[in-house]
Amino acid sequence: MARALLKFIRVSPIKSRLIAREVQGMNAEEALAALEFTPNKAAKIISKVIASAVANSGSEPEDCVITSCRVDNGPVLKRLRPRARGMASGIRKPTAHILVEVEGK
């Protein structure tokens, strides 16, 4: 079993989990092909992590199965936006940690 971990990536973990659930249990080659045409920021990032996990396993993508694709919460960057009458409101910029584990057949 090989794994790849991408930490502190600036993408929403809630939106990324939707993509991660789709590819879990799929063949790595099929998952990369499906993510290539998914119009989502997280899809491009997760496909790179899957490719890295396959490269770490030392085998070809058609021989690997994605056993686990997990997206955890990272730290939240907190910023302020100026508002009317001298006030400010908060902006939350979430980060995520993406873990992909693949296993050869």
PDB file of N, CA and C in Angstrom:
ATOM      1  N   MET A   1       0.839  -1.175   0.000  1.00  0.00           N
ATOM      2  CA  MET A   1       0.000   0.000   0.000  1.00  0.00           C
ATOM      3  C   MET A   1       0.887   1.242   0.000  1.00  0.00           C
ATOM      4  N   ALA A   2       0.559   2.169  -0.875  1.00  0.00           N
ATOM      5  CA  ALA A   2       1.297   3.425  -0.967  1.00  0.00           C
ATOM      6  C   ALA A   2       0.332   4.569  -0.703  1.00  0.00           C
ATOM      7  N   ARG A   3       0.886   5.688  -0.235  1.00  0.00           N
ATOM      8  CA  ARG A   3       0.033   6.822   0.074  1.00  0.00           C
ATOM      9  C   ARG A   3       0.716   8.129  -0.300  1.00  0.00           C
ATOM     10  N   ALA A   4      -0.112   9.153  -0.451  1.00  0.00           N
ATOM     11  CA  ALA A   4       0.376  10.497  -0.721  1.00  0.00           C
ATOM     12  C   ALA A   4      -0.461  11.457   0.117  1.00  0.00           C
ATOM     13  N   LEU A   5       0.212  12.458   0.682  1.00  0.00           N
ATOM     14  CA  LEU A   5      -0.452  13.412   1.556  1.00  0.00           C
ATOM     15  C   LEU A   5      -0.112  14.827   1.107  1.00  0.00           C
ATOM     16  N   LEU A   6      -1.135  15.626   0.881  1.00  0.00           N
ATOM     17  CA  LEU A   6      -0.961  17.033   0.514  1.00  0.00           C
ATOM     18  C   LEU A   6      -1.568  17.866   1.638  1.00  0.00           C
ATOM     19  N   LYS A   7      -0.739  18.691   2.267  1.00  0.00           N
ATOM     20  CA  LYS A   7      -1.192  19.440   3.439  1.00  0.00           C
ATOM     21  C   LYS A   7      -1.288  20.933   3.143  1.00  0.00           C
ATOM     22  N   PHE A   8      -2.164  21.584   3.869  1.00  0.00           N
ATOM     23  CA  PHE A   8      -2.345  23.038   3.861  1.00  0.00           C
ATOM     24  C   PHE A   8      -2.701  23.580   2.473  1.00  0.00           C
ATOM     25  N   ILE A   9      -3.538  22.863   1.729  1.00  0.00           N
ATOM     26  CA  ILE A   9      -3.935  23.316   0.401  1.00  0.00           C
ATOM     27  C   ILE A   9      -5.161  24.233   0.540  1.00  0.00           C
ATOM     28  N   ARG A  10      -5.168  25.331  -0.205  1.00  0.00           N
ATOM     29  CA  ARG A  10      -6.228  26.332  -0.075  1.00  0.00           C
ATOM     30  C   ARG A  10      -7.454  25.941  -0.891  1.00  0.00           C
ATOM     31  N   VAL A  11      -8.204  24.986  -0.366  1.00  0.00           N
ATOM     32  CA  VAL A  11      -9.446  24.551  -0.992  1.00  0.00           C
ATOM     33  C   VAL A  11     -10.400  24.183   0.142  1.00  0.00           C
ATOM     34  N   SER A  12     -11.674  24.347  -0.077  1.00  0.00           N
ATOM     35  CA  SER A  12     -12.654  24.059   0.957  1.00  0.00           C
ATOM     36  C   SER A  12     -12.749  22.553   1.198  1.00  0.00           C
ATOM     37  N   PRO A  13     -12.579  22.090   2.438  1.00  0.00           N
ATOM     38  CA  PRO A  13     -12.656  20.653   2.689  1.00  0.00           C
ATOM     39  C   PRO A  13     -14.047  20.079   2.457  1.00  0.00           C
ATOM     40  N   ILE A  14     -15.086  20.875   2.689  1.00  0.00           N
ATOM     41  CA  ILE A  14     -16.451  20.379   2.504  1.00  0.00           C
ATOM     42  C   ILE A  14     -16.708  20.086   1.024  1.00  0.00           C
ATOM     43  N   LYS A  15     -16.271  20.998   0.144  1.00  0.00           N
ATOM     44  CA  LYS A  15     -16.464  20.790  -1.286  1.00  0.00           C
ATOM     45  C   LYS A  15     -15.546  19.693  -1.816  1.00  0.00           C
ATOM     46  N   SER A  16     -14.377  19.547  -1.211  1.00  0.00           N
ATOM     47  CA  SER A  16     -13.427  18.537  -1.664  1.00  0.00           C
ATOM     48  C   SER A  16     -13.885  17.124  -1.310  1.00  0.00           C
ATOM     49  N   ARG A  17     -14.591  16.985  -0.195  1.00  0.00           N
ATOM     50  CA  ARG A  17     -15.059  15.657   0.214  1.00  0.00           C
ATOM     51  C   ARG A  17     -16.042  15.069  -0.775  1.00  0.00           C
ATOM     52  N   LEU A  18     -16.812  15.914  -1.456  1.00  0.00           N
ATOM     53  CA  LEU A  18     -17.751  15.419  -2.469  1.00  0.00           C
ATOM     54  C   LEU A  18     -17.000  14.706  -3.589  1.00  0.00           C
ATOM     55  N   ILE A  19     -15.873  15.267  -3.995  1.00  0.00           N
ATOM     56  CA  ILE A  19     -15.067  14.679  -5.060  1.00  0.00           C
ATOM     57  C   ILE A  19     -14.353  13.430  -4.534  1.00  0.00           C
ATOM     58  N   ALA A  20     -13.869  13.490  -3.291  1.00  0.00           N
ATOM     59  CA  ALA A  20     -13.117  12.366  -2.721  1.00  0.00           C
ATOM     60  C   ALA A  20     -13.989  11.124  -2.575  1.00  0.00           C
ATOM     61  N   ARG A  21     -15.266  11.321  -2.241  1.00  0.00           N
ATOM     62  CA  ARG A  21     -16.163  10.166  -2.092  1.00  0.00           C
ATOM     63  C   ARG A  21     -16.434   9.485  -3.426  1.00  0.00           C
ATOM     64  N   GLU A  22     -16.409  10.257  -4.509  1.00  0.00           N
ATOM     65  CA  GLU A  22     -16.680   9.680  -5.830  1.00  0.00           C
ATOM     66  C   GLU A  22     -15.582   8.719  -6.272  1.00  0.00           C
ATOM     67  N   VAL A  23     -14.326   9.061  -5.986  1.00  0.00           N
ATOM     68  CA  VAL A  23     -13.216   8.270  -6.508  1.00  0.00           C
ATOM     69  C   VAL A  23     -12.800   7.135  -5.577  1.00  0.00           C
ATOM     70  N   GLN A  24     -13.306   7.123  -4.352  1.00  0.00           N
ATOM     71  CA  GLN A  24     -12.908   6.090  -3.403  1.00  0.00           C
ATOM     72  C   GLN A  24     -13.400   4.717  -3.878  1.00  0.00           C
ATOM     73  N   GLY A  25     -12.488   3.775  -3.926  1.00  0.00           N
ATOM     74  CA  GLY A  25     -12.817   2.429  -4.374  1.00  0.00           C
ATOM     75  C   GLY A  25     -12.679   2.217  -5.870  1.00  0.00           C
ATOM     76  N   MET A  26     -12.390   3.267  -6.623  1.00  0.00           N
ATOM     77  CA  MET A  26     -12.258   3.155  -8.076  1.00  0.00           C
ATOM     78  C   MET A  26     -10.854   2.715  -8.457  1.00  0.00           C
ATOM     79  N   ASN A  27     -10.724   2.238  -9.684  1.00  0.00           N
ATOM     80  CA  ASN A  27      -9.421   1.999 -10.277  1.00  0.00           C
ATOM     81  C   ASN A  27      -8.757   3.355 -10.472  1.00  0.00           C
ATOM     82  N   ALA A  28      -7.456   3.440 -10.248  1.00  0.00           N
ATOM     83  CA  ALA A  28      -6.759   4.725 -10.307  1.00  0.00           C
ATOM     84  C   ALA A  28      -6.823   5.338 -11.708  1.00  0.00           C
ATOM     85  N   GLU A  29      -6.728   4.512 -12.739  1.00  0.00           N
ATOM     86  CA  GLU A  29      -6.776   5.034 -14.113  1.00  0.00           C
ATOM     87  C   GLU A  29      -8.155   5.622 -14.426  1.00  0.00           C
ATOM     88  N   GLU A  30      -9.215   4.928 -14.001  1.00  0.00           N
ATOM     89  CA  GLU A  30     -10.571   5.429 -14.212  1.00  0.00           C
ATOM     90  C   GLU A  30     -10.815   6.709 -13.420  1.00  0.00           C
ATOM     91  N   ALA A  31     -10.278   6.768 -12.209  1.00  0.00           N
ATOM     92  CA  ALA A  31     -10.465   7.950 -11.372  1.00  0.00           C
ATOM     93  C   ALA A  31      -9.775   9.168 -11.984  1.00  0.00           C
ATOM     94  N   LEU A  32      -8.563   8.982 -12.503  1.00  0.00           N
ATOM     95  CA  LEU A  32      -7.857  10.095 -13.140  1.00  0.00           C
ATOM     96  C   LEU A  32      -8.591  10.578 -14.381  1.00  0.00           C
ATOM     97  N   ALA A  33      -9.166   9.638 -15.146  1.00  0.00           N
ATOM     98  CA  ALA A  33      -9.921  10.016 -16.340  1.00  0.00           C
ATOM     99  C   ALA A  33     -11.205  10.758 -15.973  1.00  0.00           C
ATOM    100  N   ALA A  34     -11.865  10.328 -14.898  1.00  0.00           N
ATOM    101  CA  ALA A  34     -13.104  10.987 -14.482  1.00  0.00           C
ATOM    102  C   ALA A  34     -12.831  12.379 -13.924  1.00  0.00           C
ATOM    103  N   LEU A  35     -11.738  12.526 -13.174  1.00  0.00           N
ATOM    104  CA  LEU A  35     -11.432  13.816 -12.571  1.00  0.00           C
ATOM    105  C   LEU A  35     -10.952  14.839 -13.590  1.00  0.00           C
ATOM    106  N   GLU A  36     -10.443  14.357 -14.722  1.00  0.00           N
ATOM    107  CA  GLU A  36      -9.957  15.265 -15.749  1.00  0.00           C
ATOM    108  C   GLU A  36     -11.078  16.134 -16.314  1.00  0.00           C
ATOM    109  N   PHE A  37     -12.300  15.594 -16.334  1.00  0.00           N
ATOM    110  CA  PHE A  37     -13.433  16.318 -16.914  1.00  0.00           C
ATOM    111  C   PHE A  37     -14.403  16.830 -15.859  1.00  0.00           C
ATOM    112  N   THR A  38     -14.003  16.813 -14.599  1.00  0.00           N
ATOM    113  CA  THR A  38     -14.850  17.346 -13.537  1.00  0.00           C
ATOM    114  C   THR A  38     -14.542  18.829 -13.348  1.00  0.00           C
ATOM    115  N   PRO A  39     -15.534  19.699 -13.511  1.00  0.00           N
ATOM    116  CA  PRO A  39     -15.272  21.143 -13.432  1.00  0.00           C
ATOM    117  C   PRO A  39     -15.255  21.636 -11.984  1.00  0.00           C
ATOM    118  N   ASN A  40     -14.202  21.297 -11.266  1.00  0.00           N
ATOM    119  CA  ASN A  40     -14.105  21.660  -9.860  1.00  0.00           C
ATOM    120  C   ASN A  40     -12.638  21.897  -9.527  1.00  0.00           C
ATOM    121  N   LYS A  41     -12.365  22.874  -8.692  1.00  0.00           N
ATOM    122  CA  LYS A  41     -10.988  23.156  -8.296  1.00  0.00           C
ATOM    123  C   LYS A  41     -10.386  21.970  -7.551  1.00  0.00           C
ATOM    124  N   ALA A  42     -11.186  21.339  -6.709  1.00  0.00           N
ATOM    125  CA  ALA A  42     -10.694  20.217  -5.911  1.00  0.00           C
ATOM    126  C   ALA A  42     -10.384  18.999  -6.774  1.00  0.00           C
ATOM    127  N   ALA A  43     -11.059  18.833  -7.907  1.00  0.00           N
ATOM    128  CA  ALA A  43     -10.842  17.669  -8.762  1.00  0.00           C
ATOM    129  C   ALA A  43      -9.430  17.664  -9.328  1.00  0.00           C
ATOM    130  N   LYS A  44      -8.950  18.818  -9.727  1.00  0.00           N
ATOM    131  CA  LYS A  44      -7.593  18.911 -10.273  1.00  0.00           C
ATOM    132  C   LYS A  44      -6.561  18.604  -9.193  1.00  0.00           C
ATOM    133  N   ILE A  45      -6.788  19.098  -7.990  1.00  0.00           N
ATOM    134  CA  ILE A  45      -5.854  18.871  -6.886  1.00  0.00           C
ATOM    135  C   ILE A  45      -5.836  17.405  -6.478  1.00  0.00           C
ATOM    136  N   ILE A  46      -7.021  16.795  -6.357  1.00  0.00           N
ATOM    137  CA  ILE A  46      -7.100  15.386  -5.947  1.00  0.00           C
ATOM    138  C   ILE A  46      -6.491  14.483  -7.010  1.00  0.00           C
ATOM    139  N   SER A  47      -6.637  14.825  -8.293  1.00  0.00           N
ATOM    140  CA  SER A  47      -6.037  13.997  -9.340  1.00  0.00           C
ATOM    141  C   SER A  47      -4.514  14.014  -9.248  1.00  0.00           C
ATOM    142  N   LYS A  48      -3.939  15.165  -8.870  1.00  0.00           N
ATOM    143  CA  LYS A  48      -2.491  15.232  -8.698  1.00  0.00           C
ATOM    144  C   LYS A  48      -2.029  14.384  -7.515  1.00  0.00           C
ATOM    145  N   VAL A  49      -2.817  14.360  -6.446  1.00  0.00           N
ATOM    146  CA  VAL A  49      -2.462  13.552  -5.276  1.00  0.00           C
ATOM    147  C   VAL A  49      -2.583  12.066  -5.610  1.00  0.00           C
ATOM    148  N   ILE A  50      -3.592  11.692  -6.402  1.00  0.00           N
ATOM    149  CA  ILE A  50      -3.741  10.288  -6.817  1.00  0.00           C
ATOM    150  C   ILE A  50      -2.556   9.877  -7.679  1.00  0.00           C
ATOM    151  N   ALA A  51      -2.158  10.745  -8.602  1.00  0.00           N
ATOM    152  CA  ALA A  51      -1.000  10.441  -9.451  1.00  0.00           C
ATOM    153  C   ALA A  51       0.263  10.286  -8.621  1.00  0.00           C
ATOM    154  N   SER A  52       0.399  11.081  -7.577  1.00  0.00           N
ATOM    155  CA  SER A  52       1.562  10.979  -6.696  1.00  0.00           C
ATOM    156  C   SER A  52       1.543   9.675  -5.912  1.00  0.00           C
ATOM    157  N   ALA A  53       0.379   9.260  -5.440  1.00  0.00           N
ATOM    158  CA  ALA A  53       0.270   8.004  -4.694  1.00  0.00           C
ATOM    159  C   ALA A  53       0.575   6.799  -5.589  1.00  0.00           C
ATOM    160  N   VAL A  54       0.134   6.870  -6.849  1.00  0.00           N
ATOM    161  CA  VAL A  54       0.428   5.786  -7.801  1.00  0.00           C
ATOM    162  C   VAL A  54       1.932   5.736  -8.074  1.00  0.00           C
ATOM    163  N   ALA A  55       2.555   6.903  -8.216  1.00  0.00           N
ATOM    164  CA  ALA A  55       3.995   6.942  -8.450  1.00  0.00           C
ATOM    165  C   ALA A  55       4.754   6.409  -7.230  1.00  0.00           C
ATOM    166  N   ASN A  56       4.253   6.691  -6.034  1.00  0.00           N
ATOM    167  CA  ASN A  56       4.890   6.175  -4.822  1.00  0.00           C
ATOM    168  C   ASN A  56       4.783   4.656  -4.719  1.00  0.00           C
ATOM    169  N   SER A  57       3.721   4.090  -5.299  1.00  0.00           N
ATOM    170  CA  SER A  57       3.556   2.632  -5.243  1.00  0.00           C
ATOM    171  C   SER A  57       4.495   1.926  -6.206  1.00  0.00           C
ATOM    172  N   GLY A  58       4.962   2.624  -7.238  1.00  0.00           N
ATOM    173  CA  GLY A  58       5.882   2.034  -8.191  1.00  0.00           C
ATOM    174  C   GLY A  58       5.221   1.151  -9.227  1.00  0.00           C
ATOM    175  N   SER A  59       3.904   1.245  -9.371  1.00  0.00           N
ATOM    176  CA  SER A  59       3.210   0.440 -10.371  1.00  0.00           C
ATOM    177  C   SER A  59       2.423   1.359 -11.305  1.00  0.00           C
ATOM    178  N   GLU A  60       1.761   0.771 -12.265  1.00  0.00           N
ATOM    179  CA  GLU A  60       1.001   1.523 -13.257  1.00  0.00           C
ATOM    180  C   GLU A  60      -0.392   1.866 -12.713  1.00  0.00           C
ATOM    181  N   PRO A  61      -1.014   2.946 -13.216  1.00  0.00           N
ATOM    182  CA  PRO A  61      -2.345   3.333 -12.718  1.00  0.00           C
ATOM    183  C   PRO A  61      -3.421   2.277 -12.944  1.00  0.00           C
ATOM    184  N   GLU A  62      -3.294   1.497 -14.030  1.00  0.00           N
ATOM    185  CA  GLU A  62      -4.334   0.483 -14.273  1.00  0.00           C
ATOM    186  C   GLU A  62      -4.245  -0.689 -13.307  1.00  0.00           C
ATOM    187  N   ASP A  63      -3.116  -0.805 -12.576  1.00  0.00           N
ATOM    188  CA  ASP A  63      -2.946  -1.893 -11.616  1.00  0.00           C
ATOM    189  C   ASP A  63      -3.282  -1.481 -10.191  1.00  0.00           C
ATOM    190  N   CYS A  64      -3.658  -0.227  -9.965  1.00  0.00           N
ATOM    191  CA  CYS A  64      -3.886   0.284  -8.612  1.00  0.00           C
ATOM    192  C   CYS A  64      -5.366   0.564  -8.371  1.00  0.00           C
ATOM    193  N   VAL A  65      -5.769   0.380  -7.124  1.00  0.00           N
ATOM    194  CA  VAL A  65      -7.120   0.694  -6.683  1.00  0.00           C
ATOM    195  C   VAL A  65      -7.013   1.681  -5.528  1.00  0.00           C
ATOM    196  N   ILE A  66      -7.854   2.702  -5.547  1.00  0.00           N
ATOM    197  CA  ILE A  66      -7.843   3.708  -4.482  1.00  0.00           C
ATOM    198  C   ILE A  66      -8.604   3.140  -3.291  1.00  0.00           C
ATOM    199  N   THR A  67      -7.873   2.789  -2.238  1.00  0.00           N
ATOM    200  CA  THR A  67      -8.521   2.214  -1.057  1.00  0.00           C
ATOM    201  C   THR A  67      -9.084   3.296  -0.145  1.00  0.00           C
ATOM    202  N   SER A  68      -8.419   4.438  -0.076  1.00  0.00           N
ATOM    203  CA  SER A  68      -8.881   5.503   0.803  1.00  0.00           C
ATOM    204  C   SER A  68      -8.548   6.858   0.191  1.00  0.00           C
ATOM    205  N   CYS A  69      -9.518   7.748   0.198  1.00  0.00           N
ATOM    206  CA  CYS A  69      -9.305   9.132  -0.230  1.00  0.00           C
ATOM    207  C   CYS A  69      -9.984  10.005   0.820  1.00  0.00           C
ATOM    208  N   ARG A  70      -9.169  10.649   1.637  1.00  0.00           N
ATOM    209  CA  ARG A  70      -9.687  11.357   2.799  1.00  0.00           C
ATOM    210  C   ARG A  70      -9.310  12.827   2.731  1.00  0.00           C
ATOM    211  N   VAL A  71     -10.248  13.693   3.093  1.00  0.00           N
ATOM    212  CA  VAL A  71     -10.001  15.133   3.141  1.00  0.00           C
ATOM    213  C   VAL A  71     -10.281  15.599   4.561  1.00  0.00           C
ATOM    214  N   ASP A  72      -9.248  16.088   5.232  1.00  0.00           N
ATOM    215  CA  ASP A  72      -9.381  16.576   6.604  1.00  0.00           C
ATOM    216  C   ASP A  72      -9.302  18.098   6.624  1.00  0.00           C
ATOM    217  N   ASN A  73      -9.824  18.670   7.702  1.00  0.00           N
ATOM    218  CA  ASN A  73      -9.757  20.120   7.868  1.00  0.00           C
ATOM    219  C   ASN A  73      -8.347  20.553   8.224  1.00  0.00           C
ATOM    220  N   GLY A  74      -7.915  21.640   7.618  1.00  0.00           N
ATOM    221  CA  GLY A  74      -6.658  22.269   7.996  1.00  0.00           C
ATOM    222  C   GLY A  74      -6.968  23.535   8.772  1.00  0.00           C
ATOM    223  N   PRO A  75      -5.960  24.317   9.077  1.00  0.00           N
ATOM    224  CA  PRO A  75      -6.221  25.578   9.775  1.00  0.00           C
ATOM    225  C   PRO A  75      -6.957  26.565   8.867  1.00  0.00           C
ATOM    226  N   VAL A  76      -7.730  27.447   9.494  1.00  0.00           N
ATOM    227  CA  VAL A  76      -8.514  28.429   8.756  1.00  0.00           C
ATOM    228  C   VAL A  76      -7.784  29.766   8.809  1.00  0.00           C
ATOM    229  N   LEU A  77      -7.537  30.361   7.641  1.00  0.00           N
ATOM    230  CA  LEU A  77      -6.948  31.691   7.577  1.00  0.00           C
ATOM    231  C   LEU A  77      -8.062  32.709   7.816  1.00  0.00           C
ATOM    232  N   LYS A  78      -7.883  33.561   8.793  1.00  0.00           N
ATOM    233  CA  LYS A  78      -8.919  34.537   9.128  1.00  0.00           C
ATOM    234  C   LYS A  78      -8.490  35.920   8.657  1.00  0.00           C
ATOM    235  N   ARG A  79      -9.344  36.548   7.865  1.00  0.00           N
ATOM    236  CA  ARG A  79      -9.070  37.853   7.307  1.00  0.00           C
ATOM    237  C   ARG A  79     -10.239  38.795   7.647  1.00  0.00           C
ATOM    238  N   LEU A  80     -10.016  40.095   7.499  1.00  0.00           N
ATOM    239  CA  LEU A  80     -11.061  41.078   7.775  1.00  0.00           C
ATOM    240  C   LEU A  80     -11.392  41.858   6.513  1.00  0.00           C
ATOM    241  N   ARG A  81     -12.672  42.165   6.361  1.00  0.00           N
ATOM    242  CA  ARG A  81     -13.138  42.984   5.246  1.00  0.00           C
ATOM    243  C   ARG A  81     -13.749  44.268   5.820  1.00  0.00           C
ATOM    244  N   PRO A  82     -13.288  45.435   5.382  1.00  0.00           N
ATOM    245  CA  PRO A  82     -13.860  46.681   5.887  1.00  0.00           C
ATOM    246  C   PRO A  82     -15.330  46.821   5.482  1.00  0.00           C
ATOM    247  N   ARG A  83     -16.132  47.308   6.413  1.00  0.00           N
ATOM    248  CA  ARG A  83     -17.559  47.512   6.146  1.00  0.00           C
ATOM    249  C   ARG A  83     -17.925  48.963   6.469  1.00  0.00           C
ATOM    250  N   ALA A  84     -19.180  49.254   6.375  1.00  0.00           N
ATOM    251  CA  ALA A  84     -19.658  50.617   6.584  1.00  0.00           C
ATOM    252  C   ALA A  84     -19.501  51.046   8.044  1.00  0.00           C
ATOM    253  N   ARG A  85     -19.368  52.352   8.250  1.00  0.00           N
ATOM    254  CA  ARG A  85     -19.296  52.981   9.576  1.00  0.00           C
ATOM    255  C   ARG A  85     -18.114  52.479  10.396  1.00  0.00           C
ATOM    256  N   GLY A  86     -16.990  52.176   9.737  1.00  0.00           N
ATOM    257  CA  GLY A  86     -15.765  51.827  10.450  1.00  0.00           C
ATOM    258  C   GLY A  86     -15.729  50.433  11.028  1.00  0.00           C
ATOM    259  N   MET A  87     -16.688  49.614  10.683  1.00  0.00           N
ATOM    260  CA  MET A  87     -16.707  48.249  11.210  1.00  0.00           C
ATOM    261  C   MET A  87     -15.961  47.317  10.257  1.00  0.00           C
ATOM    262  N   ALA A  88     -15.819  46.068  10.678  1.00  0.00           N
ATOM    263  CA  ALA A  88     -15.184  45.046   9.836  1.00  0.00           C
ATOM    264  C   ALA A  88     -15.916  43.729  10.052  1.00  0.00           C
ATOM    265  N   SER A  89     -15.991  42.936   9.007  1.00  0.00           N
ATOM    266  CA  SER A  89     -16.580  41.601   9.131  1.00  0.00           C
ATOM    267  C   SER A  89     -15.516  40.578   8.757  1.00  0.00           C
ATOM    268  N   GLY A  90     -15.694  39.379   9.255  1.00  0.00           N
ATOM    269  CA  GLY A  90     -14.684  38.349   9.064  1.00  0.00           C
ATOM    270  C   GLY A  90     -14.833  37.593   7.767  1.00  0.00           C
ATOM    271  N   ILE A  91     -13.703  37.146   7.254  1.00  0.00           N
ATOM    272  CA  ILE A  91     -13.657  36.251   6.095  1.00  0.00           C
ATOM    273  C   ILE A  91     -12.877  35.021   6.531  1.00  0.00           C
ATOM    274  N   ARG A  92     -13.425  33.840   6.281  1.00  0.00           N
ATOM    275  CA  ARG A  92     -12.751  32.596   6.627  1.00  0.00           C
ATOM    276  C   ARG A  92     -12.244  31.945   5.347  1.00  0.00           C
ATOM    277  N   LYS A  93     -10.950  31.669   5.290  1.00  0.00           N
ATOM    278  CA  LYS A  93     -10.353  31.012   4.132  1.00  0.00           C
ATOM    279  C   LYS A  93      -9.869  29.646   4.583  1.00  0.00           C
ATOM    280  N   PRO A  94     -10.660  28.604   4.336  1.00  0.00           N
ATOM    281  CA  PRO A  94     -10.317  27.275   4.859  1.00  0.00           C
ATOM    282  C   PRO A  94      -9.195  26.608   4.069  1.00  0.00           C
ATOM    283  N   THR A  95      -8.465  25.728   4.753  1.00  0.00           N
ATOM    284  CA  THR A  95      -7.454  24.898   4.110  1.00  0.00           C
ATOM    285  C   THR A  95      -7.795  23.437   4.386  1.00  0.00           C
ATOM    286  N   ALA A  96      -7.156  22.542   3.645  1.00  0.00           N
ATOM    287  CA  ALA A  96      -7.463  21.122   3.771  1.00  0.00           C
ATOM    288  C   ALA A  96      -6.192  20.298   3.680  1.00  0.00           C
ATOM    289  N   HIS A  97      -6.259  19.099   4.251  1.00  0.00           N
ATOM    290  CA  HIS A  97      -5.216  18.088   4.115  1.00  0.00           C
ATOM    291  C   HIS A  97      -5.842  16.923   3.346  1.00  0.00           C
ATOM    292  N   ILE A  98      -5.234  16.513   2.233  1.00  0.00           N
ATOM    293  CA  ILE A  98      -5.776  15.452   1.383  1.00  0.00           C
ATOM    294  C   ILE A  98      -4.857  14.243   1.460  1.00  0.00           C
ATOM    295  N   LEU A  99      -5.404  13.088   1.830  1.00  0.00           N
ATOM    296  CA  LEU A  99      -4.658  11.838   1.946  1.00  0.00           C
ATOM    297  C   LEU A  99      -5.266  10.818   0.989  1.00  0.00           C
ATOM    298  N   VAL A 100      -4.422  10.230   0.141  1.00  0.00           N
ATOM    299  CA  VAL A 100      -4.866   9.198  -0.801  1.00  0.00           C
ATOM    300  C   VAL A 100      -4.008   7.958  -0.587  1.00  0.00           C
ATOM    301  N   GLU A 101      -4.669   6.800  -0.431  1.00  0.00           N
ATOM    302  CA  GLU A 101      -3.962   5.523  -0.304  1.00  0.00           C
ATOM    303  C   GLU A 101      -4.370   4.627  -1.459  1.00  0.00           C
ATOM    304  N   VAL A 102      -3.392   4.051  -2.133  1.00  0.00           N
ATOM    305  CA  VAL A 102      -3.648   3.128  -3.236  1.00  0.00           C
ATOM    306  C   VAL A 102      -3.024   1.780  -2.908  1.00  0.00           C
ATOM    307  N   GLU A 103      -3.597   0.760  -3.507  1.00  0.00           N
ATOM    308  CA  GLU A 103      -3.079  -0.596  -3.306  1.00  0.00           C
ATOM    309  C   GLU A 103      -3.036  -1.302  -4.646  1.00  0.00           C
ATOM    310  N   GLY A 104      -1.939  -1.993  -4.914  1.00  0.00           N
ATOM    311  CA  GLY A 104      -1.805  -2.728  -6.163  1.00  0.00           C
ATOM    312  C   GLY A 104      -2.611  -4.009  -6.126  1.00  0.00           C
ATOM    313  N   LYS A 105      -2.970  -4.483  -7.324  1.00  0.00           N
ATOM    314  CA  LYS A 105      -3.760  -5.717  -7.401  1.00  0.00           C
ATOM    315  C   LYS A 105      -2.921  -6.936  -7.152  1.00  0.00           C
TER     316      LYS A 105
END
